[in-house]
Amino acid sequence: MPHHEAIFRFSTDHAVSICAALSPELSEEVNPRSRTTCRLDGDNILLLTIEADDLPALRAALNMALRLVNIAEEMQQIVLQ
């Protein structure tokens, strides 16, 4: 059972697209000490949950997941311009 957890709620018009873009990346096990999931809470809320066995694993998973969310959001804004 994980000892550490972080939950982020992102309000964005692109929540559906970002979740679809992140799902394949997050389904691959990158680090066996952490688990990251994303899901939708309605059409405009992206929920990102990161669980880890220890703080270094949590930090590493946070860095990766938040970077992916940021890139996906930036790409949506570029594409829609």
C-alpha atoms as a PDB file:
ATOM      1  CA  MET A   1       0.000   0.000   0.000  1.00  0.00           C
ATOM      2  CA  PRO A   2       1.361   3.451  -0.913  1.00  0.00           C
ATOM      3  CA  HIS A   3       2.507   5.706   1.866  1.00  0.00           C
ATOM      4  CA  HIS A   4       2.320   9.000  -0.032  1.00  0.00           C
ATOM      5  CA  GLU A   5      -0.335  10.464  -2.290  1.00  0.00           C
ATOM      6  CA  ALA A   6      -0.871  13.676  -4.238  1.00  0.00           C
ATOM      7  CA  ILE A   7      -4.123  14.596  -5.973  1.00  0.00           C
ATOM      8  CA  PHE A   8      -4.408  17.458  -8.446  1.00  0.00           C
ATOM      9  CA  ARG A   9      -7.571  18.920  -9.943  1.00  0.00           C
ATOM     10  CA  PHE A  10      -7.037  20.847 -13.165  1.00  0.00           C
ATOM     11  CA  SER A  11      -9.866  22.965 -14.503  1.00  0.00           C
ATOM     12  CA  THR A  12      -9.426  23.277 -18.257  1.00  0.00           C
ATOM     13  CA  ASP A  13     -11.544  23.241 -21.393  1.00  0.00           C
ATOM     14  CA  HIS A  14      -9.118  20.615 -22.711  1.00  0.00           C
ATOM     15  CA  ALA A  15      -9.552  18.069 -19.893  1.00  0.00           C
ATOM     16  CA  VAL A  16     -10.932  15.344 -22.183  1.00  0.00           C
ATOM     17  CA  SER A  17      -8.102  15.714 -24.720  1.00  0.00           C
ATOM     18  CA  ILE A  18      -5.400  15.923 -22.070  1.00  0.00           C
ATOM     19  CA  CYS A  19      -6.677  12.826 -20.273  1.00  0.00           C
ATOM     20  CA  ALA A  20      -6.756  10.923 -23.580  1.00  0.00           C
ATOM     21  CA  ALA A  21      -3.212  12.055 -24.368  1.00  0.00           C
ATOM     22  CA  LEU A  22      -1.845  11.127 -20.941  1.00  0.00           C
ATOM     23  CA  SER A  23      -3.542   7.750 -20.526  1.00  0.00           C
ATOM     24  CA  PRO A  24      -1.144   5.773 -22.781  1.00  0.00           C
ATOM     25  CA  GLU A  25       1.873   7.363 -21.081  1.00  0.00           C
ATOM     26  CA  LEU A  26       0.583   6.654 -17.597  1.00  0.00           C
ATOM     27  CA  SER A  27      -0.458   3.070 -18.340  1.00  0.00           C
ATOM     28  CA  GLU A  28       3.167   2.025 -18.826  1.00  0.00           C
ATOM     29  CA  GLU A  29       4.931   1.195 -15.574  1.00  0.00           C
ATOM     30  CA  VAL A  30       7.824   3.627 -15.407  1.00  0.00           C
ATOM     31  CA  ASN A  31       8.670   3.178 -11.750  1.00  0.00           C
ATOM     32  CA  PRO A  32       7.399   0.205  -9.746  1.00  0.00           C
ATOM     33  CA  ARG A  33       7.425   2.391  -6.601  1.00  0.00           C
ATOM     34  CA  SER A  34       4.755   4.790  -7.890  1.00  0.00           C
ATOM     35  CA  ARG A  35       1.402   4.754  -9.652  1.00  0.00           C
ATOM     36  CA  THR A  36      -0.172   7.621 -11.573  1.00  0.00           C
ATOM     37  CA  THR A  37      -3.728   7.791 -12.870  1.00  0.00           C
ATOM     38  CA  CYS A  38      -5.769  10.450 -14.589  1.00  0.00           C
ATOM     39  CA  ARG A  39      -9.525  10.596 -14.931  1.00  0.00           C
ATOM     40  CA  LEU A  40     -12.230  13.095 -15.699  1.00  0.00           C
ATOM     41  CA  ASP A  41     -14.602  14.713 -13.242  1.00  0.00           C
ATOM     42  CA  GLY A  42     -17.109  16.140 -15.684  1.00  0.00           C
ATOM     43  CA  ASP A  43     -16.049  17.678 -18.983  1.00  0.00           C
ATOM     44  CA  ASN A  44     -13.676  20.325 -17.645  1.00  0.00           C
ATOM     45  CA  ILE A  45     -11.938  18.784 -14.624  1.00  0.00           C
ATOM     46  CA  LEU A  46      -8.911  16.523 -14.930  1.00  0.00           C
ATOM     47  CA  LEU A  47      -8.045  14.566 -11.783  1.00  0.00           C
ATOM     48  CA  LEU A  48      -4.453  13.411 -11.521  1.00  0.00           C
ATOM     49  CA  THR A  49      -3.626  11.013  -8.686  1.00  0.00           C
ATOM     50  CA  ILE A  50      -0.075  10.024  -7.841  1.00  0.00           C
ATOM     51  CA  GLU A  51       0.691   7.382  -5.216  1.00  0.00           C
ATOM     52  CA  ALA A  52       4.176   6.349  -4.161  1.00  0.00           C
ATOM     53  CA  ASP A  53       5.900   4.123  -1.661  1.00  0.00           C
ATOM     54  CA  ASP A  54       8.419   6.800  -0.661  1.00  0.00           C
ATOM     55  CA  LEU A  55       9.077  10.524  -1.077  1.00  0.00           C
ATOM     56  CA  PRO A  56      11.782  10.275  -3.768  1.00  0.00           C
ATOM     57  CA  ALA A  57       9.451   8.136  -5.894  1.00  0.00           C
ATOM     58  CA  LEU A  58       6.614  10.624  -5.325  1.00  0.00           C
ATOM     59  CA  ARG A  59       8.812  13.548  -6.359  1.00  0.00           C
ATOM     60  CA  ALA A  60       9.951  11.774  -9.522  1.00  0.00           C
ATOM     61  CA  ALA A  61       6.391  10.800 -10.463  1.00  0.00           C
ATOM     62  CA  LEU A  62       5.143  14.334  -9.766  1.00  0.00           C
ATOM     63  CA  ASN A  63       7.821  15.833 -11.999  1.00  0.00           C
ATOM     64  CA  MET A  64       6.933  13.506 -14.871  1.00  0.00           C
ATOM     65  CA  ALA A  65       3.148  13.760 -14.585  1.00  0.00           C
ATOM     66  CA  LEU A  66       2.994  17.528 -14.118  1.00  0.00           C
ATOM     67  CA  ARG A  67       5.374  18.036 -17.032  1.00  0.00           C
ATOM     68  CA  LEU A  68       3.132  15.856 -19.241  1.00  0.00           C
ATOM     69  CA  VAL A  69       0.010  17.800 -18.223  1.00  0.00           C
ATOM     70  CA  ASN A  70       1.755  21.105 -18.916  1.00  0.00           C
ATOM     71  CA  ILE A  71       2.964  19.992 -22.351  1.00  0.00           C
ATOM     72  CA  ALA A  72      -0.451  18.605 -23.299  1.00  0.00           C
ATOM     73  CA  GLU A  73      -2.166  21.851 -22.275  1.00  0.00           C
ATOM     74  CA  GLU A  74       0.363  23.944 -24.215  1.00  0.00           C
ATOM     75  CA  MET A  75      -0.096  21.779 -27.323  1.00  0.00           C
ATOM     76  CA  GLN A  76      -3.888  22.154 -27.131  1.00  0.00           C
ATOM     77  CA  GLN A  77      -3.524  25.929 -27.020  1.00  0.00           C
ATOM     78  CA  ILE A  78      -1.104  25.932 -29.971  1.00  0.00           C
ATOM     79  CA  VAL A  79      -3.298  23.648 -32.076  1.00  0.00           C
ATOM     80  CA  LEU A  80      -6.434  25.674 -31.413  1.00  0.00           C
ATOM     81  CA  GLN A  81      -4.879  29.053 -32.308  1.00  0.00           C
END
